[in-house]
């Protein structure tokens, strides 16, 4: 399904780590998986107009699953996908 998609945050994905309540319902504004030597950074916003837009569901999920080129593997050997530290919901805008 194509259109305008955004990613909505529902907190941190790390089990046992409390999620800041202010993350709930925030939209992804920007991200850089190469920041902090491949550990990544993300900015979230409550303003839908400032949210990153994706043309389809595949692009939205693909952004969330982006692997760092600087640090492609985590210490446990799994792919390093910094945005997967967050539980997100792709949402199609009306």
C-alpha atoms as a PDB file:
ATOM      1  CA  UNK A   1       0.000   0.000   0.000  1.00  0.00           C
ATOM      2  CA  UNK A   2       1.572   3.274  -1.051  1.00  0.00           C
ATOM      3  CA  UNK A   3       1.040   6.762   0.349  1.00  0.00           C
ATOM      4  CA  UNK A   4       2.622   8.694   3.151  1.00  0.00           C
ATOM      5  CA  UNK A   5       3.959   6.548   5.981  1.00  0.00           C
ATOM      6  CA  UNK A   6       5.529   7.561   9.297  1.00  0.00           C
ATOM      7  CA  UNK A   7       7.103   5.586  12.133  1.00  0.00           C
ATOM      8  CA  UNK A   8       5.471   5.948  15.549  1.00  0.00           C
ATOM      9  CA  UNK A   9       7.528   5.102  18.645  1.00  0.00           C
ATOM     10  CA  UNK A  10       6.122   2.871  21.372  1.00  0.00           C
ATOM     11  CA  UNK A  11       9.168   2.979  23.638  1.00  0.00           C
ATOM     12  CA  UNK A  12      12.422   1.116  23.952  1.00  0.00           C
ATOM     13  CA  UNK A  13      12.627  -2.474  22.765  1.00  0.00           C
ATOM     14  CA  UNK A  14      15.182  -3.547  25.371  1.00  0.00           C
ATOM     15  CA  UNK A  15      13.621  -5.898  27.897  1.00  0.00           C
ATOM     16  CA  UNK A  16      14.034  -4.761  31.485  1.00  0.00           C
ATOM     17  CA  UNK A  17      15.008  -1.214  30.537  1.00  0.00           C
ATOM     18  CA  UNK A  18      12.319   1.323  31.452  1.00  0.00           C
ATOM     19  CA  UNK A  19      11.204   3.380  28.498  1.00  0.00           C
ATOM     20  CA  UNK A  20      10.895   7.139  28.924  1.00  0.00           C
ATOM     21  CA  UNK A  21       7.142   7.847  28.821  1.00  0.00           C
ATOM     22  CA  UNK A  22       7.736  10.876  26.589  1.00  0.00           C
ATOM     23  CA  UNK A  23       8.765   8.528  23.726  1.00  0.00           C
ATOM     24  CA  UNK A  24       5.279   6.999  23.495  1.00  0.00           C
ATOM     25  CA  UNK A  25       3.460   8.190  20.398  1.00  0.00           C
ATOM     26  CA  UNK A  26       6.352  10.280  19.069  1.00  0.00           C
ATOM     27  CA  UNK A  27       7.114  10.306  15.346  1.00  0.00           C
ATOM     28  CA  UNK A  28      10.554   9.644  13.888  1.00  0.00           C
ATOM     29  CA  UNK A  29      11.897  13.026  12.812  1.00  0.00           C
ATOM     30  CA  UNK A  30      15.395  11.989  11.739  1.00  0.00           C
ATOM     31  CA  UNK A  31      17.984   9.280  12.259  1.00  0.00           C
ATOM     32  CA  UNK A  32      21.606   8.585  11.484  1.00  0.00           C
ATOM     33  CA  UNK A  33      22.701   4.963  11.874  1.00  0.00           C
ATOM     34  CA  UNK A  34      26.362   5.960  11.406  1.00  0.00           C
ATOM     35  CA  UNK A  35      26.408   8.484  14.298  1.00  0.00           C
ATOM     36  CA  UNK A  36      28.354   7.620  17.440  1.00  0.00           C
ATOM     37  CA  UNK A  37      30.677   5.248  15.568  1.00  0.00           C
ATOM     38  CA  UNK A  38      27.787   3.213  14.147  1.00  0.00           C
ATOM     39  CA  UNK A  39      25.701   3.092  17.301  1.00  0.00           C
ATOM     40  CA  UNK A  40      23.238   5.532  15.752  1.00  0.00           C
ATOM     41  CA  UNK A  41      21.051   8.388  16.883  1.00  0.00           C
ATOM     42  CA  UNK A  42      17.385   9.228  16.389  1.00  0.00           C
ATOM     43  CA  UNK A  43      15.280  12.329  16.937  1.00  0.00           C
ATOM     44  CA  UNK A  44      11.592  12.031  17.776  1.00  0.00           C
ATOM     45  CA  UNK A  45       8.870  14.650  17.583  1.00  0.00           C
ATOM     46  CA  UNK A  46       5.260  15.051  18.602  1.00  0.00           C
ATOM     47  CA  UNK A  47       4.679  17.239  15.545  1.00  0.00           C
ATOM     48  CA  UNK A  48       3.334  15.148  12.681  1.00  0.00           C
ATOM     49  CA  UNK A  49       4.354  17.856  10.190  1.00  0.00           C
ATOM     50  CA  UNK A  50       8.024  17.376  11.216  1.00  0.00           C
ATOM     51  CA  UNK A  51       7.939  13.583  10.937  1.00  0.00           C
ATOM     52  CA  UNK A  52       9.986  11.749   8.316  1.00  0.00           C
ATOM     53  CA  UNK A  53       7.785  10.475   5.497  1.00  0.00           C
ATOM     54  CA  UNK A  54       8.157   7.220   3.631  1.00  0.00           C
ATOM     55  CA  UNK A  55       6.519   6.423   0.307  1.00  0.00           C
ATOM     56  CA  UNK A  56       5.410   2.918   1.283  1.00  0.00           C
ATOM     57  CA  UNK A  57       5.401   0.349   4.073  1.00  0.00           C
ATOM     58  CA  UNK A  58       8.500  -1.384   2.716  1.00  0.00           C
ATOM     59  CA  UNK A  59      10.487   1.883   2.861  1.00  0.00           C
ATOM     60  CA  UNK A  60       9.317   2.622   6.409  1.00  0.00           C
ATOM     61  CA  UNK A  61      10.231  -0.833   7.707  1.00  0.00           C
ATOM     62  CA  UNK A  62      13.469  -0.766   5.705  1.00  0.00           C
ATOM     63  CA  UNK A  63      14.506   2.482   7.403  1.00  0.00           C
ATOM     64  CA  UNK A  64      13.822   0.936  10.828  1.00  0.00           C
ATOM     65  CA  UNK A  65      15.972  -2.069   9.883  1.00  0.00           C
ATOM     66  CA  UNK A  66      18.898  -0.101   8.395  1.00  0.00           C
ATOM     67  CA  UNK A  67      22.262  -1.686   9.232  1.00  0.00           C
ATOM     68  CA  UNK A  68      25.224   0.539  10.102  1.00  0.00           C
ATOM     69  CA  UNK A  69      28.104   0.386   7.636  1.00  0.00           C
ATOM     70  CA  UNK A  70      30.605   1.568  10.271  1.00  0.00           C
ATOM     71  CA  UNK A  71      29.597  -1.147  12.724  1.00  0.00           C
ATOM     72  CA  UNK A  72      27.600  -3.784  10.813  1.00  0.00           C
ATOM     73  CA  UNK A  73      27.622  -6.340  13.643  1.00  0.00           C
ATOM     74  CA  UNK A  74      26.814  -6.047  17.321  1.00  0.00           C
ATOM     75  CA  UNK A  75      29.108  -7.706  19.886  1.00  0.00           C
ATOM     76  CA  UNK A  76      26.747 -10.726  19.877  1.00  0.00           C
ATOM     77  CA  UNK A  77      27.319 -11.143  16.111  1.00  0.00           C
ATOM     78  CA  UNK A  78      23.811 -10.078  15.077  1.00  0.00           C
ATOM     79  CA  UNK A  79      23.234  -7.275  12.542  1.00  0.00           C
ATOM     80  CA  UNK A  80      23.580  -3.813  14.080  1.00  0.00           C
ATOM     81  CA  UNK A  81      20.283  -2.050  13.375  1.00  0.00           C
ATOM     82  CA  UNK A  82      20.301   0.959  15.734  1.00  0.00           C
ATOM     83  CA  UNK A  83      16.654   1.950  15.196  1.00  0.00           C
ATOM     84  CA  UNK A  84      15.465  -1.480  16.322  1.00  0.00           C
ATOM     85  CA  UNK A  85      16.317  -0.324  19.853  1.00  0.00           C
ATOM     86  CA  UNK A  86      12.841   1.227  19.618  1.00  0.00           C
ATOM     87  CA  UNK A  87       9.461  -0.445  19.261  1.00  0.00           C
ATOM     88  CA  UNK A  88       7.897   1.316  16.310  1.00  0.00           C
ATOM     89  CA  UNK A  89       4.643   1.123  14.416  1.00  0.00           C
ATOM     90  CA  UNK A  90       4.533   2.043  10.735  1.00  0.00           C
ATOM     91  CA  UNK A  91       1.448   4.182  10.211  1.00  0.00           C
ATOM     92  CA  UNK A  92      -0.237   5.130   6.951  1.00  0.00           C
ATOM     93  CA  UNK A  93      -1.393   8.728   6.989  1.00  0.00           C
ATOM     94  CA  UNK A  94      -4.906   9.545   5.749  1.00  0.00           C
END
